[in-house]
PDB file of all heavy atoms in Angstrom:
ATOM      1  N   VAL A   1       0.830  -1.214   0.022  1.00  0.00           N
ATOM      2  CA  VAL A   1      -0.009   0.008   0.006  1.00  0.00           C
ATOM      3  C   VAL A   1       0.883   1.251   0.000  1.00  0.00           C
ATOM      4  O   VAL A   1       0.600   2.225  -0.712  1.00  0.00           O
ATOM      5  CB  VAL A   1      -0.965   0.005   1.223  1.00  0.00           C
ATOM      6  CG1 VAL A   1      -1.795   1.299   1.239  1.00  0.00           C
ATOM      7  CG2 VAL A   1      -1.914  -1.190   1.144  1.00  0.00           C
ATOM      8  N   ILE A   2       1.961   1.223   0.786  1.00  0.00           N
ATOM      9  CA  ILE A   2       2.877   2.388   0.765  1.00  0.00           C
ATOM     10  C   ILE A   2       3.451   2.602  -0.625  1.00  0.00           C
ATOM     11  O   ILE A   2       3.572   3.710  -1.098  1.00  0.00           O
ATOM     12  CB  ILE A   2       4.009   2.128   1.819  1.00  0.00           C
ATOM     13  CG1 ILE A   2       3.425   2.201   3.236  1.00  0.00           C
ATOM     14  CG2 ILE A   2       5.065   3.229   1.625  1.00  0.00           C
ATOM     15  CD1 ILE A   2       4.469   1.866   4.306  1.00  0.00           C
ATOM     16  N   ARG A   3       3.776   1.466  -1.295  1.00  0.00           N
ATOM     17  CA  ARG A   3       4.331   1.545  -2.649  1.00  0.00           C
ATOM     18  C   ARG A   3       3.381   2.217  -3.623  1.00  0.00           C
ATOM     19  O   ARG A   3       3.747   3.005  -4.464  1.00  0.00           O
ATOM     20  CB  ARG A   3       4.694   0.112  -3.142  1.00  0.00           C
ATOM     21  CG  ARG A   3       5.495   0.082  -4.429  1.00  0.00           C
ATOM     22  CD  ARG A   3       5.580  -1.337  -4.982  1.00  0.00           C
ATOM     23  NE  ARG A   3       5.738  -2.346  -3.981  1.00  0.00           N
ATOM     24  CZ  ARG A   3       6.869  -2.679  -3.371  1.00  0.00           C
ATOM     25  NH1 ARG A   3       7.991  -2.049  -3.754  1.00  0.00           N
ATOM     26  NH2 ARG A   3       6.945  -3.633  -2.472  1.00  0.00           N
ATOM     27  N   GLU A   4       2.066   1.948  -3.394  1.00  0.00           N
ATOM     28  CA  GLU A   4       1.046   2.547  -4.267  1.00  0.00           C
ATOM     29  C   GLU A   4       0.755   3.993  -3.896  1.00  0.00           C
ATOM     30  O   GLU A   4       0.208   4.754  -4.724  1.00  0.00           O
ATOM     31  CB  GLU A   4      -0.240   1.712  -4.208  1.00  0.00           C
ATOM     32  CG  GLU A   4      -0.108   0.288  -4.690  1.00  0.00           C
ATOM     33  CD  GLU A   4      -0.059   0.228  -6.203  1.00  0.00           C
ATOM     34  OE1 GLU A   4      -0.246   1.237  -6.879  1.00  0.00           O
ATOM     35  OE2 GLU A   4       0.260  -0.879  -6.733  1.00  0.00           O
ATOM     36  N   GLY A   5       1.013   4.394  -2.645  1.00  0.00           N
ATOM     37  CA  GLY A   5       0.782   5.745  -2.202  1.00  0.00           C
ATOM     38  C   GLY A   5      -0.455   5.887  -1.338  1.00  0.00           C
ATOM     39  O   GLY A   5      -0.795   7.038  -0.961  1.00  0.00           O
ATOM     40  N   GLY A   6      -1.142   4.802  -1.007  1.00  0.00           N
ATOM     41  CA  GLY A   6      -2.335   4.905  -0.196  1.00  0.00           C
ATOM     42  C   GLY A   6      -3.376   3.855  -0.556  1.00  0.00           C
ATOM     43  O   GLY A   6      -3.249   3.176  -1.618  1.00  0.00           O
ATOM     44  N   ILE A   7      -4.424   3.712   0.237  1.00  0.00           N
ATOM     45  CA  ILE A   7      -5.437   2.698   0.014  1.00  0.00           C
ATOM     46  C   ILE A   7      -6.225   2.977  -1.288  1.00  0.00           C
ATOM     47  O   ILE A   7      -6.445   2.050  -2.055  1.00  0.00           O
ATOM     48  CB  ILE A   7      -6.402   2.625   1.227  1.00  0.00           C
ATOM     49  CG1 ILE A   7      -5.660   2.154   2.462  1.00  0.00           C
ATOM     50  CG2 ILE A   7      -7.556   1.694   0.959  1.00  0.00           C
ATOM     51  CD1 ILE A   7      -6.437   2.182   3.755  1.00  0.00           C
ATOM     52  N   GLU A   8      -6.601   4.233  -1.501  1.00  0.00           N
ATOM     53  CA  GLU A   8      -7.371   4.532  -2.681  1.00  0.00           C
ATOM     54  C   GLU A   8      -6.563   4.230  -3.969  1.00  0.00           C
ATOM     55  O   GLU A   8      -7.107   3.682  -4.907  1.00  0.00           O
ATOM     56  CB  GLU A   8      -7.815   6.010  -2.688  1.00  0.00           C
ATOM     57  CG  GLU A   8      -8.668   6.415  -3.835  1.00  0.00           C
ATOM     58  CD  GLU A   8      -9.178   7.821  -3.762  1.00  0.00           C
ATOM     59  OE1 GLU A   8      -8.944   8.499  -2.744  1.00  0.00           O
ATOM     60  OE2 GLU A   8      -9.816   8.294  -4.751  1.00  0.00           O
ATOM     61  N   ALA A   9      -5.306   4.610  -3.929  1.00  0.00           N
ATOM     62  CA  ALA A   9      -4.453   4.347  -5.093  1.00  0.00           C
ATOM     63  C   ALA A   9      -4.252   2.830  -5.313  1.00  0.00           C
ATOM     64  O   ALA A   9      -4.253   2.371  -6.448  1.00  0.00           O
ATOM     65  CB  ALA A   9      -3.108   5.032  -4.928  1.00  0.00           C
ATOM     66  N   ALA A  10      -4.203   2.088  -4.201  1.00  0.00           N
ATOM     67  CA  ALA A  10      -4.025   0.657  -4.318  1.00  0.00           C
ATOM     68  C   ALA A  10      -5.299  -0.002  -4.858  1.00  0.00           C
ATOM     69  O   ALA A  10      -5.213  -1.059  -5.554  1.00  0.00           O
ATOM     70  CB  ALA A  10      -3.656   0.043  -2.948  1.00  0.00           C
ATOM     71  N   VAL A  11      -6.487   0.566  -4.500  1.00  0.00           N
ATOM     72  CA  VAL A  11      -7.701   0.050  -5.107  1.00  0.00           C
ATOM     73  C   VAL A  11      -7.791   0.334  -6.603  1.00  0.00           C
ATOM     74  O   VAL A  11      -8.129  -0.498  -7.413  1.00  0.00           O
ATOM     75  CB  VAL A  11      -8.939   0.680  -4.399  1.00  0.00           C
ATOM     76  CG1 VAL A  11     -10.223   0.385  -5.145  1.00  0.00           C
ATOM     77  CG2 VAL A  11      -9.023   0.147  -2.937  1.00  0.00           C
ATOM     78  N   GLU A  12      -7.422   1.571  -6.986  1.00  0.00           N
ATOM     79  CA  GLU A  12      -7.468   1.983  -8.374  1.00  0.00           C
ATOM     80  C   GLU A  12      -6.525   1.179  -9.255  1.00  0.00           C
ATOM     81  O   GLU A  12      -6.774   0.941 -10.418  1.00  0.00           O
ATOM     82  CB  GLU A  12      -7.191   3.497  -8.463  1.00  0.00           C
ATOM     83  CG  GLU A  12      -8.302   4.366  -7.857  1.00  0.00           C
ATOM     84  CD  GLU A  12      -7.944   5.839  -7.882  1.00  0.00           C
ATOM     85  OE1 GLU A  12      -6.771   6.152  -8.174  1.00  0.00           O
ATOM     86  OE2 GLU A  12      -8.820   6.658  -7.556  1.00  0.00           O
ATOM     87  N   SER A  13      -5.386   0.794  -8.672  1.00  0.00           N
ATOM     88  CA  SER A  13      -4.403   0.012  -9.462  1.00  0.00           C
ATOM     89  C   SER A  13      -4.738  -1.458  -9.546  1.00  0.00           C
ATOM     90  O   SER A  13      -4.085  -2.172 -10.328  1.00  0.00           O
ATOM     91  CB  SER A  13      -2.998   0.210  -8.856  1.00  0.00           C
ATOM     92  OG  SER A  13      -2.945  -0.524  -7.595  1.00  0.00           O
ATOM     93  N   GLY A  14      -5.681  -1.913  -8.719  1.00  0.00           N
ATOM     94  CA  GLY A  14      -6.060  -3.343  -8.700  1.00  0.00           C
ATOM     95  C   GLY A  14      -5.250  -4.133  -7.711  1.00  0.00           C
ATOM     96  O   GLY A  14      -5.450  -5.364  -7.564  1.00  0.00           O
ATOM     97  N   THR A  15      -4.397  -3.501  -6.902  1.00  0.00           N
ATOM     98  CA  THR A  15      -3.667  -4.181  -5.873  1.00  0.00           C
ATOM     99  C   THR A  15      -4.609  -4.726  -4.791  1.00  0.00           C
ATOM    100  O   THR A  15      -4.462  -5.812  -4.308  1.00  0.00           O
ATOM    101  CB  THR A  15      -2.581  -3.265  -5.232  1.00  0.00           C
ATOM    102  OG1 THR A  15      -1.685  -2.818  -6.295  1.00  0.00           O
ATOM    103  CG2 THR A  15      -1.818  -3.975  -4.124  1.00  0.00           C
ATOM    104  N   ILE A  16      -5.611  -3.889  -4.472  1.00  0.00           N
ATOM    105  CA  ILE A  16      -6.677  -4.269  -3.499  1.00  0.00           C
ATOM    106  C   ILE A  16      -7.936  -4.495  -4.353  1.00  0.00           C
ATOM    107  O   ILE A  16      -8.402  -3.600  -5.030  1.00  0.00           O
ATOM    108  CB  ILE A  16      -6.881  -3.199  -2.446  1.00  0.00           C
ATOM    109  CG1 ILE A  16      -5.624  -2.990  -1.637  1.00  0.00           C
ATOM    110  CG2 ILE A  16      -8.035  -3.645  -1.492  1.00  0.00           C
ATOM    111  CD1 ILE A  16      -5.692  -1.792  -0.661  1.00  0.00           C
ATOM    112  N   GLU A  17      -8.524  -5.689  -4.218  1.00  0.00           N
ATOM    113  CA  GLU A  17      -9.688  -6.010  -5.046  1.00  0.00           C
ATOM    114  C   GLU A  17     -10.921  -6.373  -4.278  1.00  0.00           C
ATOM    115  O   GLU A  17     -11.975  -6.652  -4.866  1.00  0.00           O
ATOM    116  CB  GLU A  17      -9.298  -7.185  -5.971  1.00  0.00           C
ATOM    117  CG  GLU A  17      -8.213  -6.837  -6.946  1.00  0.00           C
ATOM    118  CD  GLU A  17      -7.878  -8.015  -7.869  1.00  0.00           C
ATOM    119  OE1 GLU A  17      -7.982  -9.190  -7.426  1.00  0.00           O
ATOM    120  OE2 GLU A  17      -7.565  -7.738  -9.080  1.00  0.00           O
ATOM    121  N   SER A  18     -10.850  -6.434  -2.936  1.00  0.00           N
ATOM    122  CA  SER A  18     -12.046  -6.793  -2.172  1.00  0.00           C
ATOM    123  C   SER A  18     -11.831  -6.331  -0.719  1.00  0.00           C
ATOM    124  O   SER A  18     -10.728  -5.930  -0.329  1.00  0.00           O
ATOM    125  CB  SER A  18     -12.272  -8.283  -2.183  1.00  0.00           C
ATOM    126  OG  SER A  18     -11.230  -8.987  -1.495  1.00  0.00           O
ATOM    127  N   GLY A  19     -12.892  -6.465   0.055  1.00  0.00           N
ATOM    128  CA  GLY A  19     -12.787  -6.186   1.476  1.00  0.00           C
ATOM    129  C   GLY A  19     -13.474  -4.930   1.896  1.00  0.00           C
ATOM    130  O   GLY A  19     -14.096  -4.212   1.101  1.00  0.00           O
ATOM    131  N   VAL A  20     -13.403  -4.644   3.180  1.00  0.00           N
ATOM    132  CA  VAL A  20     -14.067  -3.483   3.763  1.00  0.00           C
ATOM    133  C   VAL A  20     -13.497  -2.167   3.237  1.00  0.00           C
ATOM    134  O   VAL A  20     -14.235  -1.251   2.791  1.00  0.00           O
ATOM    135  CB  VAL A  20     -14.002  -3.495   5.310  1.00  0.00           C
ATOM    136  CG1 VAL A  20     -14.734  -2.294   5.911  1.00  0.00           C
ATOM    137  CG2 VAL A  20     -14.578  -4.809   5.854  1.00  0.00           C
ATOM    138  N   MET A  21     -12.157  -2.014   3.275  1.00  0.00           N
ATOM    139  CA  MET A  21     -11.574  -0.783   2.752  1.00  0.00           C
ATOM    140  C   MET A  21     -11.817  -0.601   1.274  1.00  0.00           C
ATOM    141  O   MET A  21     -11.991   0.536   0.770  1.00  0.00           O
ATOM    142  CB  MET A  21     -10.038  -0.788   3.032  1.00  0.00           C
ATOM    143  CG  MET A  21      -9.706  -0.985   4.535  1.00  0.00           C
ATOM    144  SD  MET A  21     -10.636   0.100   5.675  1.00  0.00           S
ATOM    145  CE  MET A  21     -10.214   1.720   5.111  1.00  0.00           C
ATOM    146  N   TYR A  22     -11.823  -1.683   0.518  1.00  0.00           N
ATOM    147  CA  TYR A  22     -12.128  -1.646  -0.941  1.00  0.00           C
ATOM    148  C   TYR A  22     -13.490  -1.051  -1.145  1.00  0.00           C
ATOM    149  O   TYR A  22     -13.727  -0.191  -2.005  1.00  0.00           O
ATOM    150  CB  TYR A  22     -11.987  -3.047  -1.520  1.00  0.00           C
ATOM    151  CG  TYR A  22     -12.490  -3.152  -2.951  1.00  0.00           C
ATOM    152  CD1 TYR A  22     -11.665  -2.879  -3.999  1.00  0.00           C
ATOM    153  CD2 TYR A  22     -13.777  -3.531  -3.180  1.00  0.00           C
ATOM    154  CE1 TYR A  22     -12.101  -2.974  -5.341  1.00  0.00           C
ATOM    155  CE2 TYR A  22     -14.290  -3.621  -4.526  1.00  0.00           C
ATOM    156  CZ  TYR A  22     -13.404  -3.349  -5.580  1.00  0.00           C
ATOM    157  OH  TYR A  22     -13.863  -3.407  -6.872  1.00  0.00           O
ATOM    158  N   GLU A  23     -14.510  -1.560  -0.343  1.00  0.00           N
ATOM    159  CA  GLU A  23     -15.831  -1.069  -0.496  1.00  0.00           C
ATOM    160  C   GLU A  23     -16.006   0.367  -0.085  1.00  0.00           C
ATOM    161  O   GLU A  23     -16.801   1.111  -0.655  1.00  0.00           O
ATOM    162  CB  GLU A  23     -16.827  -1.971   0.287  1.00  0.00           C
ATOM    163  CG  GLU A  23     -16.895  -3.427  -0.160  1.00  0.00           C
ATOM    164  CD  GLU A  23     -17.422  -3.581  -1.611  1.00  0.00           C
ATOM    165  OE1 GLU A  23     -17.983  -2.624  -2.154  1.00  0.00           O
ATOM    166  OE2 GLU A  23     -17.228  -4.707  -2.154  1.00  0.00           O
ATOM    167  N   CYS A  24     -15.274   0.749   0.967  1.00  0.00           N
ATOM    168  CA  CYS A  24     -15.284   2.157   1.343  1.00  0.00           C
ATOM    169  C   CYS A  24     -14.843   3.082   0.199  1.00  0.00           C
ATOM    170  O   CYS A  24     -15.434   4.121  -0.033  1.00  0.00           O
ATOM    171  CB  CYS A  24     -14.415   2.386   2.570  1.00  0.00           C
ATOM    172  SG  CYS A  24     -15.099   1.805   4.137  1.00  0.00           S
ATOM    173  N   VAL A  25     -13.757   2.688  -0.411  1.00  0.00           N
ATOM    174  CA  VAL A  25     -13.215   3.490  -1.542  1.00  0.00           C
ATOM    175  C   VAL A  25     -14.141   3.505  -2.732  1.00  0.00           C
ATOM    176  O   VAL A  25     -14.488   4.562  -3.271  1.00  0.00           O
ATOM    177  CB  VAL A  25     -11.797   3.032  -1.962  1.00  0.00           C
ATOM    178  CG1 VAL A  25     -11.320   3.721  -3.212  1.00  0.00           C
ATOM    179  CG2 VAL A  25     -10.824   3.257  -0.821  1.00  0.00           C
ATOM    180  N   THR A  26     -14.564   2.350  -3.169  1.00  0.00           N
ATOM    181  CA  THR A  26     -15.346   2.215  -4.377  1.00  0.00           C
ATOM    182  C   THR A  26     -16.778   2.769  -4.242  1.00  0.00           C
ATOM    183  O   THR A  26     -17.416   3.211  -5.230  1.00  0.00           O
ATOM    184  CB  THR A  26     -15.439   0.773  -4.903  1.00  0.00           C
ATOM    185  OG1 THR A  26     -16.018  -0.056  -3.847  1.00  0.00           O
ATOM    186  CG2 THR A  26     -14.056   0.265  -5.284  1.00  0.00           C
ATOM    187  N   ASN A  27     -17.292   2.825  -2.996  1.00  0.00           N
ATOM    188  CA  ASN A  27     -18.627   3.330  -2.759  1.00  0.00           C
ATOM    189  C   ASN A  27     -18.626   4.701  -2.070  1.00  0.00           C
ATOM    190  O   ASN A  27     -19.717   5.151  -1.586  1.00  0.00           O
ATOM    191  CB  ASN A  27     -19.430   2.344  -1.924  1.00  0.00           C
ATOM    192  CG  ASN A  27     -19.721   1.060  -2.719  1.00  0.00           C
ATOM    193  OD1 ASN A  27     -20.583   1.012  -3.590  1.00  0.00           O
ATOM    194  ND2 ASN A  27     -18.929   0.013  -2.413  1.00  0.00           N
ATOM    195  N   ASP A  28     -17.465   5.333  -1.990  1.00  0.00           N
ATOM    196  CA  ASP A  28     -17.320   6.682  -1.444  1.00  0.00           C
ATOM    197  C   ASP A  28     -17.885   6.770   0.009  1.00  0.00           C
ATOM    198  O   ASP A  28     -18.632   7.659   0.377  1.00  0.00           O
ATOM    199  CB  ASP A  28     -18.062   7.721  -2.317  1.00  0.00           C
ATOM    200  CG  ASP A  28     -17.614   9.116  -2.009  1.00  0.00           C
ATOM    201  OD1 ASP A  28     -16.493   9.299  -1.522  1.00  0.00           O
ATOM    202  OD2 ASP A  28     -18.415  10.061  -2.282  1.00  0.00           O
ATOM    203  N   ARG A  29     -17.516   5.753   0.812  1.00  0.00           N
ATOM    204  CA  ARG A  29     -17.876   5.783   2.247  1.00  0.00           C
ATOM    205  C   ARG A  29     -16.643   6.314   2.995  1.00  0.00           C
ATOM    206  O   ARG A  29     -15.580   5.680   3.036  1.00  0.00           O
ATOM    207  CB  ARG A  29     -18.198   4.364   2.765  1.00  0.00           C
ATOM    208  CG  ARG A  29     -19.160   3.585   1.893  1.00  0.00           C
ATOM    209  CD  ARG A  29     -20.543   3.954   2.053  1.00  0.00           C
ATOM    210  NE  ARG A  29     -21.424   2.992   1.345  1.00  0.00           N
ATOM    211  CZ  ARG A  29     -22.295   3.332   0.430  1.00  0.00           C
ATOM    212  NH1 ARG A  29     -22.479   4.619   0.091  1.00  0.00           N
ATOM    213  NH2 ARG A  29     -23.003   2.409  -0.140  1.00  0.00           N
ATOM    214  N   PRO A  30     -16.726   7.471   3.599  1.00  0.00           N
ATOM    215  CA  PRO A  30     -15.577   8.076   4.302  1.00  0.00           C
ATOM    216  C   PRO A  30     -15.108   7.181   5.488  1.00  0.00           C
ATOM    217  O   PRO A  30     -15.903   6.567   6.148  1.00  0.00           O
ATOM    218  CB  PRO A  30     -16.104   9.444   4.776  1.00  0.00           C
ATOM    219  CG  PRO A  30     -17.581   9.276   4.793  1.00  0.00           C
ATOM    220  CD  PRO A  30     -17.958   8.351   3.705  1.00  0.00           C
ATOM    221  N   PHE A  31     -13.798   7.159   5.684  1.00  0.00           N
ATOM    222  CA  PHE A  31     -13.257   6.385   6.819  1.00  0.00           C
ATOM    223  C   PHE A  31     -12.150   7.213   7.512  1.00  0.00           C
ATOM    224  O   PHE A  31     -11.524   8.039   6.894  1.00  0.00           O
ATOM    225  CB  PHE A  31     -12.719   5.055   6.357  1.00  0.00           C
ATOM    226  CG  PHE A  31     -11.611   5.149   5.359  1.00  0.00           C
ATOM    227  CD1 PHE A  31     -10.253   5.288   5.706  1.00  0.00           C
ATOM    228  CD2 PHE A  31     -11.874   5.014   3.996  1.00  0.00           C
ATOM    229  CE1 PHE A  31      -9.253   5.334   4.789  1.00  0.00           C
ATOM    230  CE2 PHE A  31     -10.863   5.096   3.000  1.00  0.00           C
ATOM    231  CZ  PHE A  31      -9.533   5.215   3.399  1.00  0.00           C
ATOM    232  N   VAL A  32     -12.034   6.947   8.795  1.00  0.00           N
ATOM    233  CA  VAL A  32     -10.967   7.558   9.591  1.00  0.00           C
ATOM    234  C   VAL A  32     -10.160   6.413  10.258  1.00  0.00           C
ATOM    235  O   VAL A  32     -10.699   5.573  10.946  1.00  0.00           O
ATOM    236  CB  VAL A  32     -11.519   8.472  10.688  1.00  0.00           C
ATOM    237  CG1 VAL A  32     -10.391   8.879  11.639  1.00  0.00           C
ATOM    238  CG2 VAL A  32     -12.196   9.664  10.092  1.00  0.00           C
ATOM    239  N   LEU A  33      -8.866   6.370   9.967  1.00  0.00           N
ATOM    240  CA  LEU A  33      -7.970   5.421  10.597  1.00  0.00           C
ATOM    241  C   LEU A  33      -7.105   6.193  11.543  1.00  0.00           C
ATOM    242  O   LEU A  33      -6.238   7.011  11.122  1.00  0.00           O
ATOM    243  CB  LEU A  33      -7.085   4.721   9.554  1.00  0.00           C
ATOM    244  CG  LEU A  33      -7.868   3.933   8.465  1.00  0.00           C
ATOM    245  CD1 LEU A  33      -6.850   3.316   7.496  1.00  0.00           C
ATOM    246  CD2 LEU A  33      -8.777   2.887   9.069  1.00  0.00           C
ATOM    247  N   ALA A  34      -7.336   6.008  12.855  1.00  0.00           N
ATOM    248  CA  ALA A  34      -6.552   6.720  13.888  1.00  0.00           C
ATOM    249  C   ALA A  34      -5.437   5.842  14.382  1.00  0.00           C
ATOM    250  O   ALA A  34      -5.669   4.697  14.775  1.00  0.00           O
ATOM    251  CB  ALA A  34      -7.476   7.138  15.028  1.00  0.00           C
ATOM    252  N   GLY A  35      -4.223   6.347  14.358  1.00  0.00           N
ATOM    253  CA  GLY A  35      -3.061   5.580  14.708  1.00  0.00           C
ATOM    254  C   GLY A  35      -2.787   5.534  16.198  1.00  0.00           C
ATOM    255  O   GLY A  35      -3.408   6.191  17.038  1.00  0.00           O
ATOM    256  N   SER A  36      -1.831   4.668  16.551  1.00  0.00           N
ATOM    257  CA  SER A  36      -1.372   4.510  17.961  1.00  0.00           C
ATOM    258  C   SER A  36       0.094   4.195  17.983  1.00  0.00           C
ATOM    259  O   SER A  36       0.699   3.926  16.968  1.00  0.00           O
ATOM    260  CB  SER A  36      -2.211   3.392  18.663  1.00  0.00           C
ATOM    261  OG  SER A  36      -1.745   2.134  18.182  1.00  0.00           O
ATOM    262  N   ILE A  37       0.674   4.242  19.134  1.00  0.00           N
ATOM    263  CA  ILE A  37       2.095   4.046  19.287  1.00  0.00           C
ATOM    264  C   ILE A  37       2.528   2.645  18.870  1.00  0.00           C
ATOM    265  O   ILE A  37       3.718   2.431  18.591  1.00  0.00           O
ATOM    266  CB  ILE A  37       2.548   4.390  20.767  1.00  0.00           C
ATOM    267  CG1 ILE A  37       4.040   4.558  20.853  1.00  0.00           C
ATOM    268  CG2 ILE A  37       2.019   3.309  21.687  1.00  0.00           C
ATOM    269  CD1 ILE A  37       4.564   5.832  20.147  1.00  0.00           C
ATOM    270  N   ARG A  38       1.634   1.709  18.864  1.00  0.00           N
ATOM    271  CA  ARG A  38       1.985   0.287  18.582  1.00  0.00           C
ATOM    272  C   ARG A  38       1.810  -0.090  17.145  1.00  0.00           C
ATOM    273  O   ARG A  38       1.977  -1.238  16.775  1.00  0.00           O
ATOM    274  CB  ARG A  38       1.155  -0.644  19.458  1.00  0.00           C
ATOM    275  CG  ARG A  38      -0.315  -0.627  19.202  1.00  0.00           C
ATOM    276  CD  ARG A  38      -1.150  -1.360  20.246  1.00  0.00           C
ATOM    277  NE  ARG A  38      -2.538  -1.410  19.911  1.00  0.00           N
ATOM    278  CZ  ARG A  38      -3.414  -0.454  20.123  1.00  0.00           C
ATOM    279  NH1 ARG A  38      -2.998   0.692  20.663  1.00  0.00           N
ATOM    280  NH2 ARG A  38      -4.674  -0.571  19.819  1.00  0.00           N
ATOM    281  N   ASP A  39       1.430   0.843  16.238  1.00  0.00           N
ATOM    282  CA  ASP A  39       1.156   0.497  14.908  1.00  0.00           C
ATOM    283  C   ASP A  39       2.380   0.095  14.075  1.00  0.00           C
ATOM    284  O   ASP A  39       3.440   0.738  14.147  1.00  0.00           O
ATOM    285  CB  ASP A  39       0.499   1.683  14.178  1.00  0.00           C
ATOM    286  CG  ASP A  39      -0.968   1.869  14.580  1.00  0.00           C
ATOM    287  OD1 ASP A  39      -1.558   0.897  15.031  1.00  0.00           O
ATOM    288  OD2 ASP A  39      -1.428   2.978  14.486  1.00  0.00           O
ATOM    289  N   ASP A  40       2.203  -0.953  13.243  1.00  0.00           N
ATOM    290  CA  ASP A  40       3.231  -1.292  12.275  1.00  0.00           C
ATOM    291  C   ASP A  40       3.010  -0.441  11.024  1.00  0.00           C
ATOM    292  O   ASP A  40       1.874  -0.189  10.645  1.00  0.00           O
ATOM    293  CB  ASP A  40       3.131  -2.768  11.862  1.00  0.00           C
ATOM    294  CG  ASP A  40       3.583  -3.698  13.005  1.00  0.00           C
ATOM    295  OD1 ASP A  40       4.547  -3.346  13.672  1.00  0.00           O
ATOM    296  OD2 ASP A  40       2.953  -4.759  13.185  1.00  0.00           O
ATOM    297  N   GLY A  41       4.063  -0.017  10.427  1.00  0.00           N
ATOM    298  CA  GLY A  41       3.957   0.792   9.185  1.00  0.00           C
ATOM    299  C   GLY A  41       4.073   2.263   9.489  1.00  0.00           C
ATOM    300  O   GLY A  41       5.191   2.805   9.495  1.00  0.00           O
ATOM    301  N   PRO A  42       2.990   2.997   9.722  1.00  0.00           N
ATOM    302  CA  PRO A  42       1.619   2.540   9.465  1.00  0.00           C
ATOM    303  C   PRO A  42       1.249   2.778   7.988  1.00  0.00           C
ATOM    304  O   PRO A  42       2.072   3.264   7.199  1.00  0.00           O
ATOM    305  CB  PRO A  42       0.838   3.448  10.390  1.00  0.00           C
ATOM    306  CG  PRO A  42       1.598   4.725  10.412  1.00  0.00           C
ATOM    307  CD  PRO A  42       3.064   4.300  10.341  1.00  0.00           C
ATOM    308  N   LEU A  43      -0.005   2.496   7.650  1.00  0.00           N
ATOM    309  CA  LEU A  43      -0.486   2.786   6.308  1.00  0.00           C
ATOM    310  C   LEU A  43      -0.482   4.307   6.102  1.00  0.00           C
ATOM    311  O   LEU A  43      -0.657   5.067   7.038  1.00  0.00           O
ATOM    312  CB  LEU A  43      -1.909   2.252   6.175  1.00  0.00           C
ATOM    313  CG  LEU A  43      -2.142   0.760   6.207  1.00  0.00           C
ATOM    314  CD1 LEU A  43      -3.589   0.415   6.342  1.00  0.00           C
ATOM    315  CD2 LEU A  43      -1.532   0.104   4.950  1.00  0.00           C
ATOM    316  N   PRO A  44      -0.283   4.719   4.836  1.00  0.00           N
ATOM    317  CA  PRO A  44      -0.242   6.180   4.542  1.00  0.00           C
ATOM    318  C   PRO A  44      -1.529   6.907   4.962  1.00  0.00           C
ATOM    319  O   PRO A  44      -1.532   8.107   5.289  1.00  0.00           O
ATOM    320  CB  PRO A  44      -0.089   6.215   3.012  1.00  0.00           C
ATOM    321  CG  PRO A  44       0.557   4.951   2.673  1.00  0.00           C
ATOM    322  CD  PRO A  44      -0.015   3.933   3.609  1.00  0.00           C
ATOM    323  N   ASP A  45      -2.670   6.177   4.970  1.00  0.00           N
ATOM    324  CA  ASP A  45      -3.953   6.781   5.300  1.00  0.00           C
ATOM    325  C   ASP A  45      -4.155   6.934   6.818  1.00  0.00           C
ATOM    326  O   ASP A  45      -5.122   7.540   7.257  1.00  0.00           O
ATOM    327  CB  ASP A  45      -5.119   5.934   4.728  1.00  0.00           C
ATOM    328  CG  ASP A  45      -5.021   5.697   3.250  1.00  0.00           C
ATOM    329  OD1 ASP A  45      -4.216   4.843   2.834  1.00  0.00           O
ATOM    330  OD2 ASP A  45      -5.674   6.409   2.531  1.00  0.00           O
ATOM    331  N   THR A  46      -3.324   6.300   7.641  1.00  0.00           N
ATOM    332  CA  THR A  46      -3.504   6.381   9.104  1.00  0.00           C
ATOM    333  C   THR A  46      -3.009   7.672   9.615  1.00  0.00           C
ATOM    334  O   THR A  46      -1.928   8.182   9.308  1.00  0.00           O
ATOM    335  CB  THR A  46      -2.681   5.211   9.767  1.00  0.00           C
ATOM    336  OG1 THR A  46      -3.168   3.965   9.275  1.00  0.00           O
ATOM    337  CG2 THR A  46      -2.838   5.300  11.267  1.00  0.00           C
TER     338      THR A  46
END
């Protein structure tokens, strides 16, 4: 996902093809990912 630049970009490129985050992006459902000190990565959207 970092390589693609974010979740939306990963959906548009076909890297992500299913799941909750995929449906949020493709159906324009807004999401908030709040980070914490224990996060791996984290994702660019966090």
